[in-house]
């Protein structure tokens, strides 16, 4: 059997689980976003601040994906949000079967939104659908402004781009980072992508992201009403 055939079989099997996950979420009236980035972009810090500041408006649960450890999951637990840890033991992405198991560990009746924090990687996670309603890609200014050009698939597929750690720009720590280049390249790939410039550390720009997220959930709730 060729490598291409094996790859197709893996993706086909994953698609079956993804469809089941999507059906389960839809029937339960739940939304799900798949957050993807390189390691160290600040995904967990974004989630911790988002959960803390929106907990009175949105019930958020988290599926935490890491190769090893539950360090990030412990940070989520400190917010009192429900979280299920998935350790891939070397795998560079989460798959839909893993997410199916994790969904069973969340108190779905108490949640409006499930956030999946995928394994830190801009390549592999973009190829595996998990049954989510959309993807959120995070890019920190410390990584450089060439990422949409170098890793186009995830930017082309995402509903939202969060440009994080913008506080570093005023400190001269990322003076070569060209935000306009990033936004232009991302919109060339995906004209519908929403872009928010944020600092999860200081809170700068987070209100725009919160407004989008709240509206995203509200629209689904109104559709079911």
N, C-alpha and C. Protein backbone atom coordinates (compact mmCIF):
# COMPACT_ATOMS: atom_id res chain seq x y z
N UNK A 1 0.84 -1.19 0.00
CA UNK A 1 0.00 0.00 0.00
C UNK A 1 0.88 1.25 0.00
N UNK A 2 0.57 2.23 -0.81
CA UNK A 2 1.39 3.42 -0.92
C UNK A 2 1.15 4.37 0.25
N UNK A 3 2.09 5.29 0.44
CA UNK A 3 1.95 6.29 1.49
C UNK A 3 0.72 7.17 1.25
N UNK A 4 0.44 7.45 -0.01
CA UNK A 4 -0.72 8.27 -0.35
C UNK A 4 -2.01 7.58 0.07
N UNK A 5 -2.10 6.28 -0.17
CA UNK A 5 -3.30 5.53 0.21
C UNK A 5 -3.48 5.52 1.72
N UNK A 6 -2.39 5.35 2.46
CA UNK A 6 -2.46 5.35 3.92
C UNK A 6 -2.93 6.70 4.42
N UNK A 7 -2.37 7.77 3.85
CA UNK A 7 -2.77 9.12 4.24
C UNK A 7 -4.23 9.37 3.98
N UNK A 8 -4.73 8.92 2.84
CA UNK A 8 -6.15 9.11 2.51
C UNK A 8 -7.03 8.34 3.48
N UNK A 9 -6.60 7.14 3.85
CA UNK A 9 -7.39 6.33 4.77
C UNK A 9 -7.46 6.98 6.14
N UNK A 10 -6.33 7.54 6.60
CA UNK A 10 -6.31 8.22 7.90
C UNK A 10 -7.24 9.42 7.89
N UNK A 11 -7.18 10.23 6.83
CA UNK A 11 -8.04 11.40 6.74
C UNK A 11 -9.51 11.01 6.62
N UNK A 12 -9.78 9.93 5.90
CA UNK A 12 -11.15 9.47 5.74
C UNK A 12 -11.72 9.00 7.08
N UNK A 13 -10.93 8.27 7.84
CA UNK A 13 -11.38 7.81 9.16
C UNK A 13 -11.58 9.00 10.09
N UNK A 14 -10.69 9.96 10.01
CA UNK A 14 -10.82 11.15 10.84
C UNK A 14 -12.10 11.91 10.49
N UNK A 15 -12.42 11.97 9.20
CA UNK A 15 -13.60 12.69 8.75
C UNK A 15 -14.88 12.08 9.34
N UNK A 16 -14.91 10.78 9.49
CA UNK A 16 -16.09 10.13 10.07
C UNK A 16 -16.31 10.60 11.50
N UNK A 17 -15.24 10.62 12.28
CA UNK A 17 -15.36 11.09 13.66
C UNK A 17 -15.71 12.57 13.71
N UNK A 18 -15.12 13.35 12.79
CA UNK A 18 -15.40 14.79 12.75
C UNK A 18 -16.88 15.05 12.48
N UNK A 19 -17.46 14.31 11.57
CA UNK A 19 -18.89 14.46 11.27
C UNK A 19 -19.74 14.11 12.48
N UNK A 20 -19.36 13.05 13.19
CA UNK A 20 -20.08 12.65 14.39
C UNK A 20 -19.97 13.74 15.47
N UNK A 21 -18.77 14.29 15.63
CA UNK A 21 -18.58 15.36 16.60
C UNK A 21 -19.43 16.58 16.26
N UNK A 22 -19.42 16.95 14.99
CA UNK A 22 -20.21 18.09 14.55
C UNK A 22 -21.69 17.87 14.79
N UNK A 23 -22.14 16.64 14.54
CA UNK A 23 -23.56 16.32 14.76
C UNK A 23 -23.92 16.40 16.24
N UNK A 24 -23.03 15.87 17.09
CA UNK A 24 -23.26 15.91 18.53
C UNK A 24 -23.35 17.36 19.03
N UNK A 25 -22.43 18.19 18.59
CA UNK A 25 -22.42 19.59 19.00
C UNK A 25 -23.67 20.32 18.51
N UNK A 26 -24.03 20.07 17.26
CA UNK A 26 -25.19 20.74 16.68
C UNK A 26 -26.47 20.35 17.39
N UNK A 27 -26.64 19.07 17.65
CA UNK A 27 -27.85 18.60 18.32
C UNK A 27 -27.95 19.14 19.74
N UNK A 28 -26.79 19.38 20.35
CA UNK A 28 -26.79 19.92 21.71
C UNK A 28 -26.79 21.43 21.74
N UNK A 29 -26.77 22.07 20.58
CA UNK A 29 -26.76 23.53 20.52
C UNK A 29 -25.47 24.15 20.99
N UNK A 30 -24.36 23.42 20.85
CA UNK A 30 -23.06 23.91 21.30
C UNK A 30 -22.20 24.34 20.12
N UNK A 31 -21.37 25.34 20.36
CA UNK A 31 -20.41 25.79 19.37
C UNK A 31 -19.01 25.34 19.77
N UNK A 32 -18.14 25.22 18.77
CA UNK A 32 -16.78 24.75 19.03
C UNK A 32 -15.81 25.48 18.12
N UNK A 33 -14.73 25.98 18.70
CA UNK A 33 -13.67 26.64 17.94
C UNK A 33 -12.35 25.93 18.19
N UNK A 34 -11.58 25.78 17.14
CA UNK A 34 -10.31 25.07 17.16
C UNK A 34 -9.19 26.10 17.07
N UNK A 35 -8.46 26.31 18.18
CA UNK A 35 -7.42 27.33 18.24
C UNK A 35 -6.06 26.71 17.89
N UNK A 36 -5.40 27.31 16.89
CA UNK A 36 -4.18 26.74 16.32
C UNK A 36 -3.10 27.81 16.26
N UNK A 37 -1.86 27.42 16.57
CA UNK A 37 -0.74 28.36 16.48
C UNK A 37 0.56 27.60 16.61
N UNK A 38 1.65 28.32 16.45
CA UNK A 38 2.96 27.78 16.78
C UNK A 38 3.10 27.72 18.30
N UNK A 39 4.07 26.93 18.82
CA UNK A 39 4.30 26.92 20.26
C UNK A 39 4.71 28.31 20.75
N UNK A 40 4.20 28.69 21.92
CA UNK A 40 4.62 29.94 22.53
C UNK A 40 3.93 31.19 22.04
N UNK A 41 2.89 31.05 21.24
CA UNK A 41 2.20 32.22 20.69
C UNK A 41 1.30 32.89 21.73
N UNK A 42 0.95 32.15 22.79
CA UNK A 42 0.10 32.71 23.83
C UNK A 42 -1.32 32.19 23.84
N UNK A 43 -1.58 31.03 23.24
CA UNK A 43 -2.94 30.49 23.19
C UNK A 43 -3.54 30.33 24.58
N UNK A 44 -2.79 29.74 25.50
CA UNK A 44 -3.33 29.48 26.83
C UNK A 44 -3.60 30.77 27.57
N UNK A 45 -2.71 31.73 27.46
CA UNK A 45 -2.92 33.03 28.11
C UNK A 45 -4.17 33.71 27.56
N UNK A 46 -4.37 33.62 26.25
CA UNK A 46 -5.59 34.17 25.63
C UNK A 46 -6.83 33.49 26.21
N UNK A 47 -6.80 32.16 26.30
CA UNK A 47 -7.95 31.43 26.81
C UNK A 47 -8.23 31.75 28.27
N UNK A 48 -7.19 31.80 29.09
CA UNK A 48 -7.37 32.10 30.51
C UNK A 48 -8.01 33.47 30.69
N UNK A 49 -7.52 34.46 29.97
CA UNK A 49 -8.08 35.81 30.11
C UNK A 49 -9.50 35.86 29.56
N UNK A 50 -9.74 35.19 28.43
CA UNK A 50 -11.07 35.17 27.81
C UNK A 50 -12.10 34.53 28.73
N UNK A 51 -11.75 33.37 29.28
CA UNK A 51 -12.67 32.67 30.18
C UNK A 51 -12.96 33.51 31.41
N UNK A 52 -11.93 34.09 31.98
CA UNK A 52 -12.07 34.88 33.20
C UNK A 52 -12.98 36.08 32.98
N UNK A 53 -12.83 36.75 31.85
CA UNK A 53 -13.57 37.99 31.62
C UNK A 53 -14.94 37.78 30.97
N UNK A 54 -15.20 36.57 30.46
CA UNK A 54 -16.51 36.31 29.85
C UNK A 54 -17.34 35.27 30.60
N UNK A 55 -16.85 34.84 31.75
CA UNK A 55 -17.53 33.73 32.43
C UNK A 55 -18.96 34.04 32.84
N UNK A 56 -19.29 35.32 32.99
CA UNK A 56 -20.66 35.67 33.34
C UNK A 56 -21.58 35.72 32.12
N UNK A 57 -20.99 35.67 30.92
CA UNK A 57 -21.77 35.75 29.69
C UNK A 57 -21.82 34.44 28.91
N UNK A 58 -20.71 33.71 28.93
CA UNK A 58 -20.60 32.51 28.12
C UNK A 58 -20.03 31.37 28.96
N UNK A 59 -20.68 30.21 28.89
CA UNK A 59 -20.14 29.02 29.53
C UNK A 59 -19.14 28.36 28.59
N UNK A 60 -17.86 28.39 28.97
CA UNK A 60 -16.78 27.90 28.10
C UNK A 60 -16.11 26.68 28.73
N UNK A 61 -15.98 25.63 27.95
CA UNK A 61 -15.19 24.47 28.32
C UNK A 61 -14.02 24.33 27.37
N UNK A 62 -12.97 23.64 27.81
CA UNK A 62 -11.75 23.57 27.02
C UNK A 62 -11.29 22.14 26.85
N UNK A 63 -10.88 21.82 25.62
CA UNK A 63 -10.14 20.59 25.34
C UNK A 63 -8.70 21.00 25.09
N UNK A 64 -7.81 20.53 25.92
CA UNK A 64 -6.42 20.97 25.90
C UNK A 64 -5.54 19.90 25.27
N UNK A 65 -4.88 20.25 24.15
CA UNK A 65 -4.02 19.30 23.46
C UNK A 65 -2.55 19.65 23.65
N UNK A 66 -1.78 18.67 24.11
CA UNK A 66 -0.33 18.83 24.26
C UNK A 66 0.35 17.50 23.98
N UNK A 67 1.60 17.59 23.59
CA UNK A 67 2.37 16.36 23.39
C UNK A 67 2.59 15.65 24.72
N UNK A 68 2.96 16.42 25.75
CA UNK A 68 3.17 15.89 27.09
C UNK A 68 2.67 16.91 28.11
N UNK A 69 2.51 16.48 29.34
CA UNK A 69 2.16 17.29 30.52
C UNK A 69 0.74 17.87 30.47
N UNK A 70 0.30 18.32 31.64
CA UNK A 70 -0.99 19.01 31.73
C UNK A 70 -0.80 20.41 32.30
N UNK A 71 0.34 21.01 32.02
CA UNK A 71 0.65 22.34 32.54
C UNK A 71 -0.39 23.37 32.11
N UNK A 72 -0.72 23.38 30.82
CA UNK A 72 -1.69 24.34 30.32
C UNK A 72 -3.09 24.05 30.86
N UNK A 73 -3.42 22.77 30.99
CA UNK A 73 -4.74 22.40 31.52
C UNK A 73 -4.89 22.89 32.96
N UNK A 74 -3.82 22.86 33.73
CA UNK A 74 -3.88 23.36 35.11
C UNK A 74 -4.15 24.85 35.15
N UNK A 75 -3.60 25.58 34.20
CA UNK A 75 -3.89 27.02 34.12
C UNK A 75 -5.37 27.27 33.80
N UNK A 76 -5.93 26.43 32.95
CA UNK A 76 -7.36 26.55 32.64
C UNK A 76 -8.20 26.19 33.87
N UNK A 77 -7.82 25.15 34.58
CA UNK A 77 -8.58 24.73 35.78
C UNK A 77 -8.62 25.83 36.82
N UNK A 78 -7.56 26.64 36.87
CA UNK A 78 -7.52 27.73 37.85
C UNK A 78 -8.61 28.77 37.61
N UNK A 79 -9.17 28.81 36.39
CA UNK A 79 -10.28 29.72 36.10
C UNK A 79 -11.62 29.12 36.51
N UNK A 80 -11.59 27.85 36.92
CA UNK A 80 -12.78 27.07 37.28
C UNK A 80 -13.59 26.63 36.07
N UNK A 81 -13.04 26.79 34.88
CA UNK A 81 -13.69 26.26 33.67
C UNK A 81 -13.40 24.77 33.55
N UNK A 82 -14.34 23.98 33.06
CA UNK A 82 -14.08 22.56 32.86
C UNK A 82 -13.08 22.36 31.73
N UNK A 83 -12.18 21.41 31.90
CA UNK A 83 -11.14 21.16 30.90
C UNK A 83 -10.82 19.67 30.86
N UNK A 84 -10.60 19.17 29.67
CA UNK A 84 -10.16 17.79 29.47
C UNK A 84 -8.82 17.82 28.74
N UNK A 85 -7.85 17.11 29.29
CA UNK A 85 -6.51 17.06 28.72
C UNK A 85 -6.37 15.90 27.73
N UNK A 86 -5.77 16.17 26.58
CA UNK A 86 -5.37 15.12 25.65
C UNK A 86 -3.87 15.23 25.45
N UNK A 87 -3.13 14.17 25.79
CA UNK A 87 -1.70 14.10 25.49
C UNK A 87 -1.50 13.21 24.28
N UNK A 88 -0.88 13.75 23.25
CA UNK A 88 -0.74 13.01 22.00
C UNK A 88 0.47 12.08 22.00
N UNK A 89 1.33 12.18 23.01
CA UNK A 89 2.51 11.32 23.13
C UNK A 89 3.37 11.37 21.87
N UNK A 90 3.58 12.55 21.36
CA UNK A 90 4.44 12.73 20.19
C UNK A 90 3.71 13.18 18.94
N UNK A 91 2.40 12.99 18.90
CA UNK A 91 1.62 13.41 17.73
C UNK A 91 1.60 14.92 17.60
N UNK A 92 1.66 15.42 16.38
CA UNK A 92 1.79 16.86 16.14
C UNK A 92 0.45 17.57 16.00
N UNK A 93 -0.66 16.87 16.26
CA UNK A 93 -1.99 17.48 16.14
C UNK A 93 -3.00 16.61 16.88
N UNK A 94 -4.15 17.18 17.16
CA UNK A 94 -5.26 16.40 17.67
C UNK A 94 -6.04 15.81 16.51
N UNK A 95 -6.67 14.66 16.74
CA UNK A 95 -7.55 14.11 15.71
C UNK A 95 -8.97 14.04 16.25
N UNK A 96 -9.90 13.80 15.36
CA UNK A 96 -11.32 13.87 15.71
C UNK A 96 -11.73 12.77 16.68
N UNK A 97 -11.08 11.61 16.62
CA UNK A 97 -11.40 10.53 17.55
C UNK A 97 -11.01 10.93 18.98
N UNK A 98 -9.86 11.58 19.13
CA UNK A 98 -9.45 12.06 20.45
C UNK A 98 -10.43 13.08 20.99
N UNK A 99 -10.88 13.98 20.12
CA UNK A 99 -11.84 15.00 20.54
C UNK A 99 -13.17 14.37 20.91
N UNK A 100 -13.58 13.33 20.20
CA UNK A 100 -14.83 12.63 20.52
C UNK A 100 -14.79 12.10 21.95
N UNK A 101 -13.66 11.52 22.33
CA UNK A 101 -13.52 11.03 23.69
C UNK A 101 -13.52 12.16 24.70
N UNK A 102 -12.87 13.26 24.37
CA UNK A 102 -12.78 14.39 25.29
C UNK A 102 -14.14 15.05 25.51
N UNK A 103 -14.95 15.12 24.48
CA UNK A 103 -16.28 15.73 24.62
C UNK A 103 -17.12 15.01 25.67
N UNK A 104 -16.90 13.72 25.81
CA UNK A 104 -17.65 12.94 26.80
C UNK A 104 -17.27 13.33 28.23
N UNK A 105 -16.10 13.95 28.38
CA UNK A 105 -15.64 14.34 29.70
C UNK A 105 -16.01 15.75 30.10
N UNK A 106 -16.72 16.47 29.24
CA UNK A 106 -17.13 17.83 29.54
C UNK A 106 -18.60 17.88 29.95
N UNK A 107 -18.97 18.78 30.85
CA UNK A 107 -20.38 18.94 31.25
C UNK A 107 -21.14 19.74 30.19
N UNK A 108 -21.47 19.07 29.09
CA UNK A 108 -21.99 19.76 27.91
C UNK A 108 -23.26 20.56 28.19
N UNK A 109 -24.08 20.11 29.12
CA UNK A 109 -25.33 20.81 29.39
C UNK A 109 -25.11 22.18 30.03
N UNK A 110 -23.91 22.44 30.55
CA UNK A 110 -23.61 23.71 31.21
C UNK A 110 -22.81 24.66 30.31
N UNK A 111 -22.51 24.24 29.10
CA UNK A 111 -21.61 25.00 28.24
C UNK A 111 -22.32 25.59 27.02
N UNK A 112 -21.82 26.73 26.58
CA UNK A 112 -22.24 27.33 25.32
C UNK A 112 -21.20 27.10 24.23
N UNK A 113 -19.94 27.03 24.65
CA UNK A 113 -18.82 27.02 23.71
C UNK A 113 -17.71 26.10 24.21
N UNK A 114 -17.19 25.29 23.30
CA UNK A 114 -16.01 24.47 23.59
C UNK A 114 -14.84 25.02 22.78
N UNK A 115 -13.77 25.37 23.48
CA UNK A 115 -12.54 25.81 22.83
C UNK A 115 -11.54 24.67 22.83
N UNK A 116 -11.05 24.32 21.66
CA UNK A 116 -10.01 23.31 21.53
C UNK A 116 -8.68 24.03 21.38
N UNK A 117 -7.77 23.82 22.32
CA UNK A 117 -6.42 24.35 22.16
C UNK A 117 -5.56 23.24 21.57
N UNK A 118 -5.30 23.34 20.28
CA UNK A 118 -4.60 22.28 19.57
C UNK A 118 -3.11 22.28 19.92
N UNK A 119 -2.44 21.23 19.53
CA UNK A 119 -0.99 21.13 19.72
C UNK A 119 -0.31 22.26 18.96
N UNK A 120 0.74 22.84 19.54
CA UNK A 120 1.44 23.96 18.91
C UNK A 120 2.08 23.57 17.59
N UNK A 121 1.47 24.00 16.49
CA UNK A 121 1.93 23.60 15.16
C UNK A 121 1.05 24.32 14.14
N UNK A 122 1.63 24.96 13.15
CA UNK A 122 0.84 25.65 12.13
C UNK A 122 0.53 24.79 10.91
N UNK A 123 1.10 23.58 10.86
CA UNK A 123 0.97 22.77 9.65
C UNK A 123 -0.03 21.64 9.84
N UNK A 124 0.30 20.63 10.65
CA UNK A 124 -0.51 19.42 10.76
C UNK A 124 -1.96 19.67 11.20
N UNK A 125 -2.20 20.51 12.22
CA UNK A 125 -3.60 20.68 12.66
C UNK A 125 -4.53 21.23 11.59
N UNK A 126 -3.98 21.95 10.62
CA UNK A 126 -4.85 22.54 9.60
C UNK A 126 -5.47 21.49 8.69
N UNK A 127 -4.88 20.30 8.63
CA UNK A 127 -5.37 19.26 7.73
C UNK A 127 -6.42 18.36 8.38
N UNK A 128 -6.59 18.45 9.70
CA UNK A 128 -7.48 17.54 10.40
C UNK A 128 -8.68 18.28 10.98
N UNK A 129 -9.83 18.07 10.36
CA UNK A 129 -11.08 18.63 10.89
C UNK A 129 -11.47 17.85 12.15
N UNK A 130 -12.02 18.57 13.12
CA UNK A 130 -12.36 17.94 14.40
C UNK A 130 -13.86 17.98 14.69
N UNK A 131 -14.62 18.57 13.76
CA UNK A 131 -16.05 18.74 13.98
C UNK A 131 -16.38 20.12 14.50
N UNK A 132 -15.39 21.01 14.47
CA UNK A 132 -15.55 22.37 15.00
C UNK A 132 -16.37 23.24 14.07
N UNK A 133 -16.82 24.38 14.58
CA UNK A 133 -17.55 25.36 13.77
C UNK A 133 -16.62 26.37 13.11
N UNK A 134 -15.37 26.36 13.48
CA UNK A 134 -14.41 27.27 12.88
C UNK A 134 -13.07 27.18 13.56
N UNK A 135 -12.07 27.74 12.89
CA UNK A 135 -10.71 27.75 13.42
C UNK A 135 -10.31 29.18 13.78
N UNK A 136 -9.48 29.30 14.80
CA UNK A 136 -8.90 30.57 15.21
C UNK A 136 -7.38 30.39 15.17
N UNK A 137 -6.71 31.18 14.37
CA UNK A 137 -5.25 31.08 14.29
C UNK A 137 -4.64 32.23 15.09
N UNK A 138 -3.62 31.90 15.87
CA UNK A 138 -2.94 32.90 16.70
C UNK A 138 -1.52 33.06 16.18
N UNK A 139 -1.11 34.31 16.00
CA UNK A 139 0.25 34.63 15.57
C UNK A 139 0.80 35.70 16.51
N UNK A 140 1.90 35.41 17.17
CA UNK A 140 2.51 36.42 18.03
C UNK A 140 3.52 37.23 17.23
N UNK A 141 3.69 38.49 17.61
CA UNK A 141 4.60 39.36 16.86
C UNK A 141 6.04 38.89 16.96
N UNK A 142 6.33 38.07 17.98
CA UNK A 142 7.70 37.56 18.14
C UNK A 142 8.06 36.53 17.08
N UNK A 143 7.06 35.98 16.38
CA UNK A 143 7.31 34.93 15.40
C UNK A 143 7.71 35.45 14.03
N UNK A 144 7.49 36.71 13.75
CA UNK A 144 7.78 37.24 12.43
C UNK A 144 6.52 37.42 11.61
N UNK A 145 6.60 38.31 10.63
CA UNK A 145 5.41 38.67 9.84
C UNK A 145 5.25 37.87 8.56
N UNK A 146 6.05 36.82 8.38
CA UNK A 146 6.00 36.04 7.14
C UNK A 146 5.16 34.78 7.25
N UNK A 147 4.51 34.55 8.39
CA UNK A 147 3.83 33.28 8.61
C UNK A 147 2.64 33.03 7.69
N UNK A 148 1.80 34.03 7.38
CA UNK A 148 0.72 33.74 6.42
C UNK A 148 1.25 33.31 5.05
N UNK A 149 2.36 33.89 4.64
CA UNK A 149 2.94 33.52 3.35
C UNK A 149 3.57 32.13 3.39
N UNK A 150 4.17 31.77 4.53
CA UNK A 150 4.86 30.49 4.64
C UNK A 150 3.93 29.33 4.99
N UNK A 151 2.85 29.62 5.72
CA UNK A 151 1.91 28.58 6.15
C UNK A 151 0.49 28.97 5.76
N UNK A 152 0.20 29.05 4.47
CA UNK A 152 -1.07 29.62 4.02
C UNK A 152 -2.31 28.84 4.39
N UNK A 153 -2.21 27.52 4.54
CA UNK A 153 -3.42 26.70 4.72
C UNK A 153 -4.23 27.11 5.94
N UNK A 154 -3.57 27.29 7.07
CA UNK A 154 -4.32 27.58 8.29
C UNK A 154 -4.93 28.98 8.24
N UNK A 155 -4.25 29.94 7.63
CA UNK A 155 -4.80 31.29 7.52
C UNK A 155 -5.97 31.32 6.54
N UNK A 156 -5.90 30.50 5.51
CA UNK A 156 -6.98 30.42 4.53
C UNK A 156 -8.24 29.80 5.12
N UNK A 157 -8.09 28.94 6.13
CA UNK A 157 -9.22 28.21 6.69
C UNK A 157 -9.82 28.83 7.94
N UNK A 158 -9.17 29.83 8.51
CA UNK A 158 -9.58 30.34 9.82
C UNK A 158 -10.62 31.45 9.73
N UNK A 159 -11.53 31.46 10.70
CA UNK A 159 -12.50 32.54 10.83
C UNK A 159 -11.85 33.79 11.42
N UNK A 160 -10.89 33.57 12.33
CA UNK A 160 -10.30 34.67 13.08
C UNK A 160 -8.78 34.53 13.11
N UNK A 161 -8.10 35.66 13.01
CA UNK A 161 -6.66 35.75 13.25
C UNK A 161 -6.45 36.68 14.44
N UNK A 162 -5.82 36.16 15.49
CA UNK A 162 -5.45 36.96 16.64
C UNK A 162 -3.95 37.25 16.55
N UNK A 163 -3.59 38.50 16.35
CA UNK A 163 -2.19 38.91 16.34
C UNK A 163 -1.85 39.29 17.77
N UNK A 164 -1.14 38.42 18.47
CA UNK A 164 -0.94 38.55 19.91
C UNK A 164 0.43 39.16 20.24
N UNK A 165 0.54 39.60 21.49
CA UNK A 165 1.76 40.19 22.07
C UNK A 165 2.12 41.52 21.42
N UNK A 166 1.10 42.30 21.07
CA UNK A 166 1.40 43.59 20.45
C UNK A 166 2.06 44.57 21.44
N UNK A 167 2.02 44.25 22.73
CA UNK A 167 2.72 45.07 23.71
C UNK A 167 4.23 45.07 23.46
N UNK A 168 4.73 44.02 22.79
CA UNK A 168 6.16 43.96 22.49
C UNK A 168 6.58 44.99 21.45
N UNK A 169 5.62 45.42 20.62
CA UNK A 169 5.95 46.38 19.58
C UNK A 169 6.39 47.72 20.17
N UNK A 170 5.77 48.13 21.25
CA UNK A 170 6.11 49.42 21.86
C UNK A 170 7.38 49.35 22.69
N UNK A 171 7.85 48.12 22.92
CA UNK A 171 9.08 47.94 23.70
C UNK A 171 10.29 47.70 22.81
N UNK A 172 10.06 47.73 21.48
CA UNK A 172 11.16 47.52 20.56
C UNK A 172 11.62 46.08 20.46
N UNK A 173 10.83 45.15 21.05
CA UNK A 173 11.21 43.74 21.05
C UNK A 173 10.86 43.04 19.75
N UNK A 174 10.02 43.68 18.93
CA UNK A 174 9.63 43.07 17.64
C UNK A 174 9.48 44.19 16.62
N UNK A 175 10.50 45.05 16.58
CA UNK A 175 10.40 46.27 15.76
C UNK A 175 10.33 46.00 14.27
N UNK A 176 10.76 44.81 13.83
CA UNK A 176 10.72 44.48 12.40
C UNK A 176 9.39 43.86 11.98
N UNK A 177 8.50 43.63 12.93
CA UNK A 177 7.23 42.99 12.62
C UNK A 177 6.30 43.99 11.93
N UNK A 178 5.84 43.63 10.74
CA UNK A 178 4.99 44.50 9.93
C UNK A 178 3.55 43.99 9.99
N UNK A 179 2.74 44.60 10.85
CA UNK A 179 1.36 44.15 11.02
C UNK A 179 0.57 44.29 9.72
N UNK A 180 0.79 45.34 8.99
CA UNK A 180 0.05 45.53 7.75
C UNK A 180 0.36 44.45 6.73
N UNK A 181 1.60 43.99 6.71
CA UNK A 181 1.95 42.88 5.81
C UNK A 181 1.18 41.62 6.20
N UNK A 182 1.12 41.34 7.49
CA UNK A 182 0.39 40.16 7.97
C UNK A 182 -1.08 40.25 7.57
N UNK A 183 -1.70 41.39 7.82
CA UNK A 183 -3.12 41.54 7.50
C UNK A 183 -3.38 41.45 6.01
N UNK A 184 -2.51 42.05 5.21
CA UNK A 184 -2.67 41.99 3.76
C UNK A 184 -2.52 40.56 3.25
N UNK A 185 -1.50 39.85 3.73
CA UNK A 185 -1.28 38.47 3.29
C UNK A 185 -2.41 37.56 3.74
N UNK A 186 -2.90 37.76 4.97
CA UNK A 186 -3.99 36.92 5.47
C UNK A 186 -5.26 37.15 4.68
N UNK A 187 -5.56 38.41 4.36
CA UNK A 187 -6.79 38.71 3.61
C UNK A 187 -6.68 38.32 2.15
N UNK A 188 -5.48 38.23 1.63
CA UNK A 188 -5.31 37.73 0.28
C UNK A 188 -5.68 36.25 0.21
N UNK A 189 -5.41 35.53 1.30
CA UNK A 189 -5.75 34.12 1.38
C UNK A 189 -7.22 33.91 1.75
N UNK A 190 -7.76 34.83 2.53
CA UNK A 190 -9.10 34.65 3.10
C UNK A 190 -9.72 36.02 3.34
N UNK A 191 -10.51 36.47 2.41
CA UNK A 191 -11.07 37.83 2.50
C UNK A 191 -12.09 37.98 3.63
N UNK A 192 -12.59 36.86 4.17
CA UNK A 192 -13.58 36.92 5.23
C UNK A 192 -12.96 36.88 6.63
N UNK A 193 -11.66 36.66 6.74
CA UNK A 193 -11.04 36.48 8.05
C UNK A 193 -11.15 37.76 8.88
N UNK A 194 -11.51 37.59 10.15
CA UNK A 194 -11.55 38.70 11.10
C UNK A 194 -10.21 38.78 11.80
N UNK A 195 -9.67 39.96 11.92
CA UNK A 195 -8.33 40.14 12.49
C UNK A 195 -8.41 41.06 13.69
N UNK A 196 -7.84 40.60 14.81
CA UNK A 196 -7.79 41.40 16.03
C UNK A 196 -6.35 41.49 16.51
N UNK A 197 -5.90 42.70 16.78
CA UNK A 197 -4.57 42.94 17.32
C UNK A 197 -4.70 43.01 18.84
N UNK A 198 -4.06 42.10 19.54
CA UNK A 198 -4.30 41.97 20.97
C UNK A 198 -3.01 41.79 21.77
N UNK A 199 -3.14 42.03 23.05
CA UNK A 199 -2.14 41.60 24.01
C UNK A 199 -2.88 40.89 25.13
N UNK A 200 -2.77 39.58 25.17
CA UNK A 200 -3.43 38.82 26.24
C UNK A 200 -2.80 39.13 27.59
N UNK A 201 -1.59 39.63 27.58
CA UNK A 201 -0.90 39.98 28.82
C UNK A 201 -1.45 41.26 29.43
N UNK A 202 -1.61 42.30 28.62
CA UNK A 202 -2.07 43.59 29.14
C UNK A 202 -3.57 43.80 28.98
N UNK A 203 -4.20 43.04 28.08
CA UNK A 203 -5.62 43.20 27.80
C UNK A 203 -5.91 44.10 26.62
N UNK A 204 -4.90 44.73 26.06
CA UNK A 204 -5.10 45.64 24.93
C UNK A 204 -5.73 44.90 23.75
N UNK A 205 -6.80 45.47 23.21
CA UNK A 205 -7.44 44.92 22.02
C UNK A 205 -8.34 43.72 22.27
N UNK A 206 -8.38 43.22 23.49
CA UNK A 206 -9.14 41.99 23.75
C UNK A 206 -10.65 42.21 23.64
N UNK A 207 -11.12 43.44 23.84
CA UNK A 207 -12.57 43.69 23.79
C UNK A 207 -13.16 43.38 22.42
N UNK A 208 -12.40 43.63 21.35
CA UNK A 208 -12.89 43.30 20.02
C UNK A 208 -13.08 41.81 19.83
N UNK A 209 -12.12 41.05 20.32
CA UNK A 209 -12.22 39.58 20.29
C UNK A 209 -13.40 39.12 21.12
N UNK A 210 -13.61 39.70 22.31
CA UNK A 210 -14.73 39.31 23.16
C UNK A 210 -16.06 39.61 22.47
N UNK A 211 -16.15 40.76 21.82
CA UNK A 211 -17.39 41.12 21.13
C UNK A 211 -17.70 40.13 20.02
N UNK A 212 -16.66 39.75 19.26
CA UNK A 212 -16.87 38.79 18.18
C UNK A 212 -17.32 37.45 18.74
N UNK A 213 -16.66 36.99 19.80
CA UNK A 213 -16.98 35.70 20.38
C UNK A 213 -18.38 35.68 20.96
N UNK A 214 -18.76 36.75 21.64
CA UNK A 214 -20.11 36.84 22.22
C UNK A 214 -21.17 36.83 21.13
N UNK A 215 -20.91 37.55 20.05
CA UNK A 215 -21.86 37.58 18.94
C UNK A 215 -21.93 36.23 18.25
N UNK A 216 -20.82 35.55 18.14
CA UNK A 216 -20.76 34.22 17.54
C UNK A 216 -21.68 33.26 18.29
N UNK A 217 -21.61 33.30 19.61
CA UNK A 217 -22.46 32.44 20.44
C UNK A 217 -23.91 32.91 20.39
N UNK A 218 -24.13 34.21 20.47
CA UNK A 218 -25.50 34.74 20.47
C UNK A 218 -26.24 34.39 19.18
N UNK A 219 -25.54 34.45 18.06
CA UNK A 219 -26.18 34.13 16.79
C UNK A 219 -26.65 32.69 16.76
N UNK A 220 -25.85 31.77 17.29
CA UNK A 220 -26.26 30.38 17.33
C UNK A 220 -27.47 30.19 18.24
N UNK A 221 -27.45 30.86 19.37
CA UNK A 221 -28.56 30.72 20.32
C UNK A 221 -29.86 31.27 19.72
N UNK A 222 -29.76 32.37 18.97
CA UNK A 222 -30.96 32.95 18.37
C UNK A 222 -31.51 32.07 17.26
N UNK A 223 -30.62 31.35 16.57
CA UNK A 223 -31.05 30.44 15.50
C UNK A 223 -31.84 29.26 16.07
N UNK A 224 -31.51 28.88 17.30
CA UNK A 224 -32.19 27.73 17.93
C UNK A 224 -33.45 28.15 18.67
N UNK A 225 -33.60 29.43 18.90
CA UNK A 225 -34.75 29.92 19.68
C UNK A 225 -36.07 29.75 18.91
